[in-house]
Amino acid sequence: MRYFLVDRVTELVVGERIRGVKNVTLTDEILHDHFPDYPIFPGALILEAGAQLAGFLLEATLKRAGEPARRALLAQIRDAKFHMACGPGDQLLIEARMGPKIGDAVRMDVEVRVKDDLVTRAQLTFMTAPIESERLHEQRRYVYRLWTRDLKPPVDIP
């Protein structure tokens, strides 16, 4: 991942749901160009934040002791709707819920809110694959540990 778009996981119920936050700040480099006089956090990055969180939920759900980690790969975005713009000072409250398994794919329902206001809602479909890159696995484990450092009980990181 080039962009890490989740700041913290606030809740994880393996096999069911995950919640996390992304704080939008003027230090988010993308806001310098999108747009210079009216900074808006791009909708594509809001969806990516939801996909990162949903992918972590899927990886944690499918983790099996003694087996190589499988990584979530975003395969499809359906019914994405944006209801409001977000900018500096907004805290995105992201929730992903496990949906049905469809063959080798899993559908996730993602919602993003600022306070009680709906920002976006989408259905994301993921596939999983074994990835032959220890560097990628180390990077993911590092990021997942940062995201979940305050959760009790501690999370078994995939």
N, C-alpha and C. Protein backbone atom coordinates (compact mmCIF):
# COMPACT_ATOMS: atom_id res chain seq x y z
N MET A 1 0.85 -1.18 0.00
CA MET A 1 0.00 0.00 0.00
C MET A 1 0.89 1.24 0.00
N ARG A 2 0.60 2.15 -0.86
CA ARG A 2 1.35 3.41 -0.86
C ARG A 2 0.76 4.37 0.15
N TYR A 3 -0.55 4.42 0.21
CA TYR A 3 -1.23 5.29 1.17
C TYR A 3 -1.79 4.41 2.29
N PHE A 4 -1.50 4.78 3.52
CA PHE A 4 -2.13 4.13 4.66
C PHE A 4 -3.22 5.08 5.11
N LEU A 5 -4.46 4.72 4.86
CA LEU A 5 -5.57 5.66 5.02
C LEU A 5 -6.43 5.38 6.24
N VAL A 6 -5.96 4.55 7.13
CA VAL A 6 -6.65 4.32 8.39
C VAL A 6 -5.68 4.74 9.49
N ASP A 7 -6.16 5.52 10.44
CA ASP A 7 -5.30 5.94 11.54
C ASP A 7 -5.37 4.98 12.72
N ARG A 8 -6.55 4.39 12.92
CA ARG A 8 -6.72 3.53 14.10
C ARG A 8 -7.93 2.64 13.90
N VAL A 9 -7.83 1.41 14.38
CA VAL A 9 -8.99 0.51 14.45
C VAL A 9 -9.58 0.68 15.84
N THR A 10 -10.88 0.95 15.90
CA THR A 10 -11.54 1.16 17.20
C THR A 10 -12.32 -0.07 17.67
N GLU A 11 -12.64 -0.96 16.74
CA GLU A 11 -13.37 -2.18 17.10
C GLU A 11 -13.13 -3.23 16.03
N LEU A 12 -12.93 -4.46 16.47
CA LEU A 12 -12.77 -5.57 15.54
C LEU A 12 -13.49 -6.78 16.12
N VAL A 13 -14.50 -7.24 15.39
CA VAL A 13 -15.19 -8.48 15.73
C VAL A 13 -14.93 -9.41 14.54
N VAL A 14 -13.95 -10.29 14.70
CA VAL A 14 -13.52 -11.16 13.61
C VAL A 14 -14.72 -11.93 13.06
N GLY A 15 -14.84 -11.93 11.74
CA GLY A 15 -15.93 -12.63 11.08
C GLY A 15 -17.20 -11.83 10.98
N GLU A 16 -17.22 -10.63 11.56
CA GLU A 16 -18.45 -9.83 11.57
C GLU A 16 -18.24 -8.39 11.11
N ARG A 17 -17.45 -7.59 11.87
CA ARG A 17 -17.34 -6.17 11.53
C ARG A 17 -16.03 -5.59 12.07
N ILE A 18 -15.70 -4.42 11.50
CA ILE A 18 -14.54 -3.66 11.95
C ILE A 18 -14.90 -2.18 11.85
N ARG A 19 -14.39 -1.42 12.79
CA ARG A 19 -14.59 0.03 12.78
C ARG A 19 -13.24 0.71 12.96
N GLY A 20 -13.07 1.84 12.29
CA GLY A 20 -11.83 2.58 12.41
C GLY A 20 -12.03 4.03 12.04
N VAL A 21 -10.96 4.80 12.18
CA VAL A 21 -11.03 6.24 11.90
C VAL A 21 -9.89 6.66 10.97
N LYS A 22 -10.19 7.68 10.19
CA LYS A 22 -9.21 8.40 9.38
C LYS A 22 -9.43 9.87 9.67
N ASN A 23 -8.40 10.52 10.20
CA ASN A 23 -8.48 11.96 10.46
C ASN A 23 -7.95 12.70 9.23
N VAL A 24 -8.79 13.54 8.65
CA VAL A 24 -8.39 14.32 7.48
C VAL A 24 -7.72 15.59 7.99
N THR A 25 -6.48 15.83 7.55
CA THR A 25 -5.75 17.01 8.00
C THR A 25 -5.10 17.70 6.80
N LEU A 26 -4.73 18.95 7.00
CA LEU A 26 -4.04 19.68 5.94
C LEU A 26 -2.68 19.07 5.61
N THR A 27 -2.17 18.21 6.46
CA THR A 27 -0.91 17.53 6.13
C THR A 27 -1.12 16.38 5.15
N ASP A 28 -2.37 16.01 4.86
CA ASP A 28 -2.63 15.03 3.80
C ASP A 28 -2.25 15.69 2.48
N GLU A 29 -1.15 15.24 1.91
CA GLU A 29 -0.57 15.89 0.74
C GLU A 29 -1.56 16.06 -0.42
N ILE A 30 -2.46 15.12 -0.58
CA ILE A 30 -3.42 15.18 -1.69
C ILE A 30 -4.27 16.45 -1.63
N LEU A 31 -4.49 16.99 -0.43
CA LEU A 31 -5.33 18.18 -0.30
C LEU A 31 -4.67 19.43 -0.87
N HIS A 32 -3.36 19.40 -1.08
CA HIS A 32 -2.68 20.57 -1.65
C HIS A 32 -3.09 20.79 -3.10
N ASP A 33 -3.49 19.73 -3.78
CA ASP A 33 -3.88 19.82 -5.19
C ASP A 33 -5.35 19.53 -5.43
N HIS A 34 -6.05 19.07 -4.44
CA HIS A 34 -7.45 18.63 -4.63
C HIS A 34 -8.34 19.32 -3.62
N PHE A 35 -8.66 20.47 -3.73
CA PHE A 35 -8.35 21.49 -4.72
C PHE A 35 -7.61 22.62 -4.00
N PRO A 36 -6.73 23.38 -4.68
CA PRO A 36 -5.87 24.33 -3.98
C PRO A 36 -6.61 25.33 -3.08
N ASP A 37 -7.72 25.86 -3.52
CA ASP A 37 -8.44 26.84 -2.71
C ASP A 37 -9.66 26.27 -1.99
N TYR A 38 -9.93 24.99 -2.20
CA TYR A 38 -11.08 24.34 -1.59
C TYR A 38 -10.74 22.87 -1.37
N PRO A 39 -9.97 22.56 -0.31
CA PRO A 39 -9.48 21.19 -0.13
C PRO A 39 -10.60 20.20 0.18
N ILE A 40 -10.71 19.19 -0.68
CA ILE A 40 -11.68 18.11 -0.50
C ILE A 40 -10.92 16.79 -0.54
N PHE A 41 -11.17 15.94 0.45
CA PHE A 41 -10.55 14.62 0.45
C PHE A 41 -11.21 13.78 -0.64
N PRO A 42 -10.44 13.24 -1.59
CA PRO A 42 -11.03 12.56 -2.75
C PRO A 42 -11.87 11.34 -2.37
N GLY A 43 -12.99 11.21 -3.07
CA GLY A 43 -13.87 10.07 -2.85
C GLY A 43 -13.18 8.74 -3.07
N ALA A 44 -12.28 8.68 -4.05
CA ALA A 44 -11.55 7.43 -4.31
C ALA A 44 -10.72 7.03 -3.09
N LEU A 45 -10.15 8.01 -2.38
CA LEU A 45 -9.35 7.69 -1.19
C LEU A 45 -10.24 7.34 0.00
N ILE A 46 -11.45 7.89 0.04
CA ILE A 46 -12.40 7.49 1.08
C ILE A 46 -12.75 6.01 0.89
N LEU A 47 -13.01 5.63 -0.37
CA LEU A 47 -13.29 4.21 -0.66
C LEU A 47 -12.07 3.34 -0.36
N GLU A 48 -10.88 3.84 -0.66
CA GLU A 48 -9.66 3.08 -0.37
C GLU A 48 -9.50 2.87 1.13
N ALA A 49 -9.82 3.88 1.93
CA ALA A 49 -9.75 3.71 3.40
C ALA A 49 -10.70 2.60 3.84
N GLY A 50 -11.92 2.60 3.28
CA GLY A 50 -12.87 1.53 3.59
C GLY A 50 -12.36 0.18 3.13
N ALA A 51 -11.72 0.14 1.96
CA ALA A 51 -11.19 -1.12 1.44
C ALA A 51 -10.04 -1.64 2.31
N GLN A 52 -9.18 -0.73 2.79
CA GLN A 52 -8.08 -1.17 3.65
C GLN A 52 -8.62 -1.79 4.94
N LEU A 53 -9.61 -1.14 5.52
CA LEU A 53 -10.19 -1.66 6.76
C LEU A 53 -10.91 -2.99 6.51
N ALA A 54 -11.71 -3.05 5.44
CA ALA A 54 -12.44 -4.28 5.11
C ALA A 54 -11.47 -5.41 4.78
N GLY A 55 -10.39 -5.10 4.07
CA GLY A 55 -9.40 -6.12 3.75
C GLY A 55 -8.75 -6.69 4.99
N PHE A 56 -8.47 -5.84 5.98
CA PHE A 56 -7.90 -6.31 7.24
C PHE A 56 -8.89 -7.24 7.94
N LEU A 57 -10.17 -6.87 7.97
CA LEU A 57 -11.19 -7.73 8.58
C LEU A 57 -11.20 -9.10 7.90
N LEU A 58 -11.17 -9.11 6.58
CA LEU A 58 -11.19 -10.37 5.84
C LEU A 58 -9.95 -11.21 6.15
N GLU A 59 -8.79 -10.57 6.15
CA GLU A 59 -7.55 -11.31 6.44
C GLU A 59 -7.56 -11.87 7.86
N ALA A 60 -8.05 -11.09 8.81
CA ALA A 60 -8.12 -11.57 10.20
C ALA A 60 -9.12 -12.72 10.33
N THR A 61 -10.20 -12.66 9.56
CA THR A 61 -11.23 -13.70 9.60
C THR A 61 -10.73 -15.01 9.00
N LEU A 62 -9.94 -14.93 7.94
CA LEU A 62 -9.49 -16.14 7.24
C LEU A 62 -8.18 -16.69 7.77
N LYS A 63 -7.58 -16.02 8.75
CA LYS A 63 -6.28 -16.46 9.29
C LYS A 63 -6.40 -17.86 9.88
N ARG A 64 -5.46 -18.73 9.50
CA ARG A 64 -5.42 -20.10 10.02
C ARG A 64 -4.02 -20.36 10.55
N ALA A 65 -3.94 -20.87 11.76
CA ALA A 65 -2.64 -21.16 12.38
C ALA A 65 -1.84 -22.12 11.51
N GLY A 66 -0.57 -21.79 11.30
CA GLY A 66 0.31 -22.67 10.55
C GLY A 66 0.22 -22.55 9.04
N GLU A 67 -0.74 -21.78 8.53
CA GLU A 67 -0.89 -21.62 7.09
C GLU A 67 -0.34 -20.26 6.68
N PRO A 68 0.16 -20.15 5.44
CA PRO A 68 0.63 -18.84 4.97
C PRO A 68 -0.51 -17.84 4.95
N ALA A 69 -0.20 -16.59 5.27
CA ALA A 69 -1.22 -15.54 5.25
C ALA A 69 -1.72 -15.33 3.83
N ARG A 70 -3.02 -15.16 3.70
CA ARG A 70 -3.63 -14.80 2.43
C ARG A 70 -3.99 -13.32 2.52
N ARG A 71 -3.74 -12.59 1.46
CA ARG A 71 -4.00 -11.16 1.46
C ARG A 71 -5.24 -10.85 0.64
N ALA A 72 -6.00 -9.88 1.13
CA ALA A 72 -7.23 -9.46 0.47
C ALA A 72 -6.90 -8.58 -0.74
N LEU A 73 -7.57 -8.85 -1.84
CA LEU A 73 -7.40 -8.08 -3.06
C LEU A 73 -8.77 -7.54 -3.47
N LEU A 74 -8.88 -6.24 -3.59
CA LEU A 74 -10.15 -5.62 -3.98
C LEU A 74 -10.45 -5.99 -5.43
N ALA A 75 -11.60 -6.60 -5.66
CA ALA A 75 -11.96 -7.07 -7.00
C ALA A 75 -13.09 -6.25 -7.63
N GLN A 76 -13.96 -5.66 -6.81
CA GLN A 76 -15.11 -4.94 -7.37
C GLN A 76 -15.64 -3.93 -6.37
N ILE A 77 -16.09 -2.80 -6.91
CA ILE A 77 -16.80 -1.78 -6.12
C ILE A 77 -18.18 -1.65 -6.75
N ARG A 78 -19.21 -1.83 -5.93
CA ARG A 78 -20.59 -1.72 -6.43
C ARG A 78 -21.36 -0.69 -5.62
N ASP A 79 -22.25 -0.02 -6.30
CA ASP A 79 -23.22 0.88 -5.67
C ASP A 79 -22.56 1.91 -4.75
N ALA A 80 -21.42 2.44 -5.15
CA ALA A 80 -20.77 3.49 -4.34
C ALA A 80 -21.53 4.80 -4.54
N LYS A 81 -21.93 5.38 -3.43
CA LYS A 81 -22.64 6.66 -3.48
C LYS A 81 -21.99 7.60 -2.48
N PHE A 82 -21.79 8.84 -2.92
CA PHE A 82 -21.18 9.86 -2.08
C PHE A 82 -22.25 10.88 -1.72
N HIS A 83 -22.39 11.16 -0.44
CA HIS A 83 -23.45 12.03 0.04
C HIS A 83 -22.97 13.40 0.49
N MET A 84 -21.68 13.54 0.78
CA MET A 84 -21.15 14.84 1.18
C MET A 84 -19.64 14.85 0.99
N ALA A 85 -19.09 16.04 0.91
CA ALA A 85 -17.64 16.21 0.79
C ALA A 85 -17.00 16.24 2.17
N CYS A 86 -15.73 15.85 2.24
CA CYS A 86 -14.97 15.87 3.49
C CYS A 86 -13.70 16.68 3.27
N GLY A 87 -13.27 17.35 4.33
CA GLY A 87 -12.06 18.15 4.23
C GLY A 87 -11.32 18.20 5.54
N PRO A 88 -10.34 19.09 5.63
CA PRO A 88 -9.52 19.19 6.84
C PRO A 88 -10.37 19.37 8.09
N GLY A 89 -10.02 18.62 9.13
CA GLY A 89 -10.75 18.68 10.39
C GLY A 89 -11.81 17.62 10.55
N ASP A 90 -12.17 16.95 9.45
CA ASP A 90 -13.18 15.89 9.54
C ASP A 90 -12.53 14.59 10.01
N GLN A 91 -13.26 13.86 10.84
CA GLN A 91 -12.84 12.52 11.24
C GLN A 91 -13.78 11.54 10.56
N LEU A 92 -13.22 10.73 9.66
CA LEU A 92 -14.01 9.73 8.96
C LEU A 92 -14.17 8.51 9.86
N LEU A 93 -15.40 8.16 10.15
CA LEU A 93 -15.73 6.97 10.95
C LEU A 93 -16.10 5.87 9.95
N ILE A 94 -15.26 4.88 9.85
CA ILE A 94 -15.38 3.86 8.81
C ILE A 94 -15.85 2.56 9.46
N GLU A 95 -16.83 1.93 8.84
CA GLU A 95 -17.30 0.62 9.31
C GLU A 95 -17.43 -0.31 8.12
N ALA A 96 -16.91 -1.52 8.27
CA ALA A 96 -17.06 -2.56 7.25
C ALA A 96 -17.68 -3.77 7.91
N ARG A 97 -18.65 -4.38 7.21
CA ARG A 97 -19.33 -5.57 7.71
C ARG A 97 -19.17 -6.69 6.69
N MET A 98 -18.91 -7.88 7.22
CA MET A 98 -18.82 -9.05 6.35
C MET A 98 -20.18 -9.30 5.71
N GLY A 99 -20.15 -9.56 4.44
CA GLY A 99 -21.35 -9.92 3.72
C GLY A 99 -21.26 -11.37 3.27
N PRO A 100 -22.04 -11.72 2.27
CA PRO A 100 -22.06 -13.12 1.83
C PRO A 100 -20.80 -13.51 1.07
N LYS A 101 -20.49 -14.80 1.15
CA LYS A 101 -19.42 -15.38 0.34
C LYS A 101 -20.05 -15.76 -0.99
N ILE A 102 -19.37 -15.39 -2.07
CA ILE A 102 -19.87 -15.66 -3.42
C ILE A 102 -18.76 -16.42 -4.15
N GLY A 103 -18.84 -17.74 -4.16
CA GLY A 103 -17.75 -18.53 -4.73
C GLY A 103 -16.48 -18.31 -3.91
N ASP A 104 -15.43 -17.86 -4.58
CA ASP A 104 -14.17 -17.56 -3.90
C ASP A 104 -14.08 -16.12 -3.42
N ALA A 105 -15.13 -15.36 -3.63
CA ALA A 105 -15.13 -13.94 -3.27
C ALA A 105 -15.97 -13.70 -2.01
N VAL A 106 -15.71 -12.58 -1.37
CA VAL A 106 -16.49 -12.16 -0.20
C VAL A 106 -16.91 -10.72 -0.41
N ARG A 107 -18.19 -10.46 -0.20
CA ARG A 107 -18.71 -9.10 -0.31
C ARG A 107 -18.69 -8.45 1.06
N MET A 108 -18.32 -7.17 1.10
CA MET A 108 -18.30 -6.39 2.33
C MET A 108 -19.13 -5.13 2.12
N ASP A 109 -19.88 -4.76 3.14
CA ASP A 109 -20.64 -3.51 3.11
C ASP A 109 -19.85 -2.49 3.90
N VAL A 110 -19.57 -1.35 3.27
CA VAL A 110 -18.76 -0.31 3.90
C VAL A 110 -19.57 0.98 3.98
N GLU A 111 -19.52 1.60 5.15
CA GLU A 111 -20.11 2.93 5.35
C GLU A 111 -19.07 3.84 5.98
N VAL A 112 -19.09 5.09 5.54
CA VAL A 112 -18.21 6.10 6.11
C VAL A 112 -19.08 7.27 6.54
N ARG A 113 -18.85 7.73 7.76
CA ARG A 113 -19.61 8.86 8.31
C ARG A 113 -18.66 9.90 8.89
N VAL A 114 -19.14 11.11 8.98
CA VAL A 114 -18.52 12.16 9.79
C VAL A 114 -19.57 12.50 10.83
N LYS A 115 -19.25 12.23 12.08
CA LYS A 115 -20.23 12.30 13.18
C LYS A 115 -21.40 11.40 12.80
N ASP A 116 -22.61 11.94 12.70
CA ASP A 116 -23.76 11.11 12.34
C ASP A 116 -24.13 11.21 10.86
N ASP A 117 -23.37 12.01 10.11
CA ASP A 117 -23.71 12.27 8.70
C ASP A 117 -23.06 11.24 7.78
N LEU A 118 -23.87 10.62 6.93
CA LEU A 118 -23.37 9.63 5.98
C LEU A 118 -22.54 10.32 4.90
N VAL A 119 -21.33 9.85 4.70
CA VAL A 119 -20.44 10.36 3.66
C VAL A 119 -20.54 9.49 2.42
N THR A 120 -20.34 8.19 2.59
CA THR A 120 -20.42 7.27 1.47
C THR A 120 -20.82 5.88 1.95
N ARG A 121 -21.36 5.14 1.02
CA ARG A 121 -21.75 3.74 1.26
C ARG A 121 -21.41 2.98 -0.02
N ALA A 122 -20.88 1.77 0.13
CA ALA A 122 -20.54 0.97 -1.04
C ALA A 122 -20.48 -0.50 -0.66
N GLN A 123 -20.59 -1.35 -1.68
CA GLN A 123 -20.35 -2.78 -1.52
C GLN A 123 -19.02 -3.08 -2.20
N LEU A 124 -18.10 -3.67 -1.43
CA LEU A 124 -16.79 -4.02 -1.95
C LEU A 124 -16.66 -5.53 -1.98
N THR A 125 -16.17 -6.06 -3.07
CA THR A 125 -15.96 -7.49 -3.20
C THR A 125 -14.46 -7.77 -3.25
N PHE A 126 -14.05 -8.75 -2.44
CA PHE A 126 -12.64 -9.10 -2.33
C PHE A 126 -12.42 -10.55 -2.73
N MET A 127 -11.25 -10.79 -3.28
CA MET A 127 -10.71 -12.13 -3.46
C MET A 127 -9.52 -12.20 -2.50
N THR A 128 -9.04 -13.40 -2.22
CA THR A 128 -7.81 -13.52 -1.44
C THR A 128 -6.81 -14.35 -2.22
N ALA A 129 -5.55 -14.10 -1.94
CA ALA A 129 -4.49 -14.85 -2.62
C ALA A 129 -3.28 -14.95 -1.71
N PRO A 130 -2.55 -16.06 -1.82
CA PRO A 130 -1.27 -16.12 -1.11
C PRO A 130 -0.29 -15.24 -1.87
N ILE A 131 0.42 -14.39 -1.17
CA ILE A 131 1.38 -13.49 -1.79
C ILE A 131 2.78 -13.93 -1.37
N GLU A 132 3.64 -14.15 -2.33
CA GLU A 132 5.00 -14.64 -2.07
C GLU A 132 5.96 -13.47 -1.87
N SER A 133 5.69 -12.63 -0.89
CA SER A 133 6.58 -11.50 -0.61
C SER A 133 6.62 -11.28 0.90
N GLU A 134 7.72 -11.69 1.51
CA GLU A 134 7.84 -11.49 2.95
C GLU A 134 7.85 -10.01 3.30
N ARG A 135 8.39 -9.19 2.41
CA ARG A 135 8.41 -7.74 2.65
C ARG A 135 6.98 -7.19 2.76
N LEU A 136 6.10 -7.64 1.88
CA LEU A 136 4.71 -7.20 1.94
C LEU A 136 4.06 -7.66 3.24
N HIS A 137 4.29 -8.91 3.64
CA HIS A 137 3.70 -9.42 4.88
C HIS A 137 4.21 -8.64 6.09
N GLU A 138 5.50 -8.34 6.11
CA GLU A 138 6.06 -7.55 7.22
C GLU A 138 5.45 -6.16 7.27
N GLN A 139 5.30 -5.54 6.10
CA GLN A 139 4.69 -4.21 6.04
C GLN A 139 3.26 -4.25 6.57
N ARG A 140 2.47 -5.22 6.12
CA ARG A 140 1.08 -5.32 6.57
C ARG A 140 1.00 -5.56 8.07
N ARG A 141 1.81 -6.49 8.58
CA ARG A 141 1.78 -6.77 10.02
C ARG A 141 2.14 -5.52 10.83
N TYR A 142 3.13 -4.77 10.36
CA TYR A 142 3.53 -3.53 11.03
C TYR A 142 2.37 -2.54 11.07
N VAL A 143 1.73 -2.32 9.93
CA VAL A 143 0.61 -1.37 9.86
C VAL A 143 -0.56 -1.87 10.71
N TYR A 144 -0.89 -3.15 10.64
CA TYR A 144 -2.00 -3.69 11.41
C TYR A 144 -1.74 -3.57 12.91
N ARG A 145 -0.48 -3.77 13.32
CA ARG A 145 -0.15 -3.59 14.75
C ARG A 145 -0.35 -2.14 15.17
N LEU A 146 0.06 -1.19 14.34
CA LEU A 146 -0.16 0.23 14.65
C LEU A 146 -1.65 0.54 14.76
N TRP A 147 -2.43 0.05 13.80
CA TRP A 147 -3.86 0.32 13.79
C TRP A 147 -4.55 -0.21 15.04
N THR A 148 -4.09 -1.34 15.55
CA THR A 148 -4.82 -2.05 16.62
C THR A 148 -4.15 -1.94 17.98
N ARG A 149 -3.15 -1.10 18.13
CA ARG A 149 -2.35 -1.08 19.36
C ARG A 149 -3.16 -0.81 20.61
N ASP A 150 -4.30 -0.14 20.50
CA ASP A 150 -5.10 0.18 21.68
C ASP A 150 -6.25 -0.79 21.93
N LEU A 151 -6.43 -1.78 21.07
CA LEU A 151 -7.55 -2.71 21.23
C LEU A 151 -7.28 -3.71 22.35
N LYS A 152 -8.33 -4.00 23.10
CA LYS A 152 -8.28 -5.02 24.14
C LYS A 152 -9.40 -6.00 23.86
N PRO A 153 -9.16 -7.29 23.85
CA PRO A 153 -7.86 -7.95 23.94
C PRO A 153 -7.06 -7.69 22.67
N PRO A 154 -5.74 -7.93 22.72
CA PRO A 154 -4.90 -7.72 21.53
C PRO A 154 -5.38 -8.59 20.37
N VAL A 155 -5.14 -8.10 19.17
CA VAL A 155 -5.58 -8.78 17.96
C VAL A 155 -4.49 -9.73 17.48
N ASP A 156 -4.90 -10.91 17.02
CA ASP A 156 -3.98 -11.86 16.39
C ASP A 156 -3.76 -11.37 14.95
N ILE A 157 -2.61 -10.79 14.70
CA ILE A 157 -2.34 -10.14 13.41
C ILE A 157 -2.03 -11.18 12.34
N PRO A 158 -2.75 -11.10 11.20
CA PRO A 158 -2.49 -12.06 10.10
C PRO A 158 -1.20 -11.73 9.36
